[in-house]
Amino acid sequence: MTDEVTAFLIFILACSAFLIGLMAHYARRINRLRAMVDGFSRVHDLVPQRAPAPRKRG
């Protein structure tokens, strides 16, 4: 292989590794946010909710 092809392949490999790492990082963050929202939903269901005040017609 020529030097240009080798440099190009190394560049493509480095870019691919960077993008894979970025996707893995954001996948972890999204899963953490989903777990947090799940926890908040369970807490929200435990809190008694007030019924809305009746509207006065007149």
N, C-alpha and C. Protein backbone atom coordinates (compact mmCIF):
# COMPACT_ATOMS: atom_id res chain seq x y z
N MET A 1 0.84 -1.20 0.00
CA MET A 1 0.00 0.00 0.00
C MET A 1 0.88 1.25 0.00
N THR A 2 0.35 2.24 -0.62
CA THR A 2 1.12 3.49 -0.63
C THR A 2 0.91 4.24 0.68
N ASP A 3 1.72 5.22 0.90
CA ASP A 3 1.63 6.00 2.14
C ASP A 3 0.32 6.78 2.23
N GLU A 4 -0.18 7.26 1.08
CA GLU A 4 -1.43 8.03 1.09
C GLU A 4 -2.61 7.15 1.49
N VAL A 5 -2.63 5.93 0.96
CA VAL A 5 -3.72 5.01 1.29
C VAL A 5 -3.64 4.64 2.76
N THR A 6 -2.48 4.38 3.26
CA THR A 6 -2.30 4.04 4.67
C THR A 6 -2.74 5.19 5.57
N ALA A 7 -2.34 6.41 5.21
CA ALA A 7 -2.74 7.58 6.00
C ALA A 7 -4.25 7.76 5.96
N PHE A 8 -4.85 7.54 4.79
CA PHE A 8 -6.30 7.67 4.66
C PHE A 8 -7.02 6.63 5.52
N LEU A 9 -6.56 5.40 5.49
CA LEU A 9 -7.19 4.35 6.29
C LEU A 9 -7.05 4.63 7.79
N ILE A 10 -5.90 5.12 8.21
CA ILE A 10 -5.71 5.47 9.62
C ILE A 10 -6.64 6.62 10.01
N PHE A 11 -6.78 7.60 9.11
CA PHE A 11 -7.69 8.72 9.36
C PHE A 11 -9.13 8.23 9.50
N ILE A 12 -9.58 7.37 8.59
CA ILE A 12 -10.94 6.83 8.64
C ILE A 12 -11.14 6.02 9.92
N LEU A 13 -10.15 5.23 10.30
CA LEU A 13 -10.24 4.43 11.52
C LEU A 13 -10.34 5.33 12.75
N ALA A 14 -9.55 6.40 12.80
CA ALA A 14 -9.59 7.32 13.94
C ALA A 14 -10.94 8.03 14.01
N CYS A 15 -11.45 8.47 12.86
CA CYS A 15 -12.77 9.12 12.86
C CYS A 15 -13.86 8.16 13.31
N SER A 16 -13.80 6.93 12.84
CA SER A 16 -14.80 5.92 13.23
C SER A 16 -14.74 5.65 14.73
N ALA A 17 -13.54 5.53 15.26
CA ALA A 17 -13.40 5.28 16.70
C ALA A 17 -13.94 6.45 17.50
N PHE A 18 -13.68 7.68 17.03
CA PHE A 18 -14.20 8.86 17.72
C PHE A 18 -15.72 8.87 17.71
N LEU A 19 -16.33 8.59 16.57
CA LEU A 19 -17.79 8.59 16.48
C LEU A 19 -18.42 7.47 17.31
N ILE A 20 -17.79 6.32 17.33
CA ILE A 20 -18.30 5.21 18.16
C ILE A 20 -18.23 5.59 19.63
N GLY A 21 -17.13 6.21 20.05
CA GLY A 21 -17.02 6.65 21.44
C GLY A 21 -18.06 7.70 21.78
N LEU A 22 -18.29 8.63 20.86
CA LEU A 22 -19.30 9.67 21.08
C LEU A 22 -20.70 9.06 21.21
N MET A 23 -21.01 8.12 20.35
CA MET A 23 -22.33 7.47 20.42
C MET A 23 -22.49 6.69 21.72
N ALA A 24 -21.45 6.01 22.16
CA ALA A 24 -21.53 5.26 23.42
C ALA A 24 -21.72 6.21 24.59
N HIS A 25 -21.02 7.34 24.56
CA HIS A 25 -21.15 8.33 25.64
C HIS A 25 -22.58 8.86 25.71
N TYR A 26 -23.15 9.25 24.59
CA TYR A 26 -24.50 9.79 24.59
C TYR A 26 -25.54 8.71 24.88
N ALA A 27 -25.28 7.47 24.50
CA ALA A 27 -26.20 6.38 24.84
C ALA A 27 -26.26 6.21 26.36
N ARG A 28 -25.09 6.31 27.02
CA ARG A 28 -25.08 6.22 28.48
C ARG A 28 -25.85 7.38 29.11
N ARG A 29 -25.65 8.59 28.58
CA ARG A 29 -26.36 9.76 29.12
C ARG A 29 -27.86 9.63 28.93
N ILE A 30 -28.29 9.15 27.77
CA ILE A 30 -29.72 8.98 27.51
C ILE A 30 -30.31 7.94 28.44
N ASN A 31 -29.61 6.84 28.66
CA ASN A 31 -30.11 5.81 29.58
C ASN A 31 -30.20 6.34 31.00
N ARG A 32 -29.23 7.18 31.40
CA ARG A 32 -29.27 7.77 32.74
C ARG A 32 -30.48 8.71 32.87
N LEU A 33 -30.73 9.50 31.85
CA LEU A 33 -31.89 10.40 31.87
C LEU A 33 -33.21 9.62 31.90
N ARG A 34 -33.27 8.53 31.13
CA ARG A 34 -34.48 7.69 31.14
C ARG A 34 -34.73 7.12 32.53
N ALA A 35 -33.68 6.66 33.18
CA ALA A 35 -33.83 6.10 34.53
C ALA A 35 -34.28 7.19 35.51
N MET A 36 -33.74 8.41 35.34
CA MET A 36 -34.13 9.51 36.22
C MET A 36 -35.60 9.87 36.03
N VAL A 37 -36.05 9.94 34.78
CA VAL A 37 -37.45 10.25 34.49
C VAL A 37 -38.35 9.15 35.03
N ASP A 38 -37.90 7.91 34.90
CA ASP A 38 -38.67 6.79 35.45
C ASP A 38 -38.83 6.93 36.97
N GLY A 39 -37.76 7.31 37.64
CA GLY A 39 -37.83 7.51 39.10
C GLY A 39 -38.74 8.65 39.46
N PHE A 40 -38.66 9.76 38.72
CA PHE A 40 -39.55 10.89 39.00
C PHE A 40 -41.00 10.52 38.76
N SER A 41 -41.27 9.70 37.76
CA SER A 41 -42.65 9.29 37.47
C SER A 41 -43.21 8.48 38.63
N ARG A 42 -42.38 7.60 39.19
CA ARG A 42 -42.86 6.80 40.34
C ARG A 42 -43.12 7.69 41.54
N VAL A 43 -42.26 8.68 41.79
CA VAL A 43 -42.46 9.60 42.91
C VAL A 43 -43.71 10.44 42.67
N HIS A 44 -43.91 10.88 41.45
CA HIS A 44 -45.08 11.70 41.12
C HIS A 44 -46.37 10.93 41.35
N ASP A 45 -46.36 9.62 41.04
CA ASP A 45 -47.56 8.81 41.26
C ASP A 45 -47.87 8.65 42.74
N LEU A 46 -46.87 8.75 43.61
CA LEU A 46 -47.10 8.59 45.05
C LEU A 46 -47.69 9.84 45.69
N VAL A 47 -47.47 10.99 45.07
CA VAL A 47 -47.95 12.25 45.64
C VAL A 47 -49.43 12.39 45.34
N PRO A 48 -50.25 12.65 46.38
CA PRO A 48 -51.69 12.80 46.11
C PRO A 48 -51.94 14.04 45.25
N GLN A 49 -52.78 13.87 44.27
CA GLN A 49 -53.09 14.96 43.35
C GLN A 49 -54.43 15.59 43.75
N ARG A 50 -54.46 16.92 43.77
CA ARG A 50 -55.70 17.61 44.08
C ARG A 50 -56.61 17.62 42.87
N ALA A 51 -57.89 17.51 43.15
CA ALA A 51 -58.86 17.64 42.08
C ALA A 51 -58.99 19.11 41.73
N PRO A 52 -59.18 19.45 40.47
CA PRO A 52 -59.34 20.85 40.13
C PRO A 52 -60.61 21.44 40.76
N ALA A 53 -60.53 22.72 41.11
CA ALA A 53 -61.68 23.39 41.73
C ALA A 53 -62.83 23.44 40.72
N PRO A 54 -64.04 23.22 41.21
CA PRO A 54 -65.18 23.29 40.27
C PRO A 54 -65.35 24.71 39.75
N ARG A 55 -65.75 24.81 38.51
CA ARG A 55 -65.96 26.12 37.91
C ARG A 55 -67.35 26.62 38.29
N LYS A 56 -67.38 27.90 38.60
CA LYS A 56 -68.67 28.51 38.95
C LYS A 56 -69.30 29.05 37.68
N ARG A 57 -70.53 28.66 37.46
CA ARG A 57 -71.24 29.19 36.30
C ARG A 57 -72.24 30.21 36.78
N GLY A 58 -72.29 31.28 36.12
CA GLY A 58 -73.24 32.26 36.61
C GLY A 58 -73.34 33.39 35.77
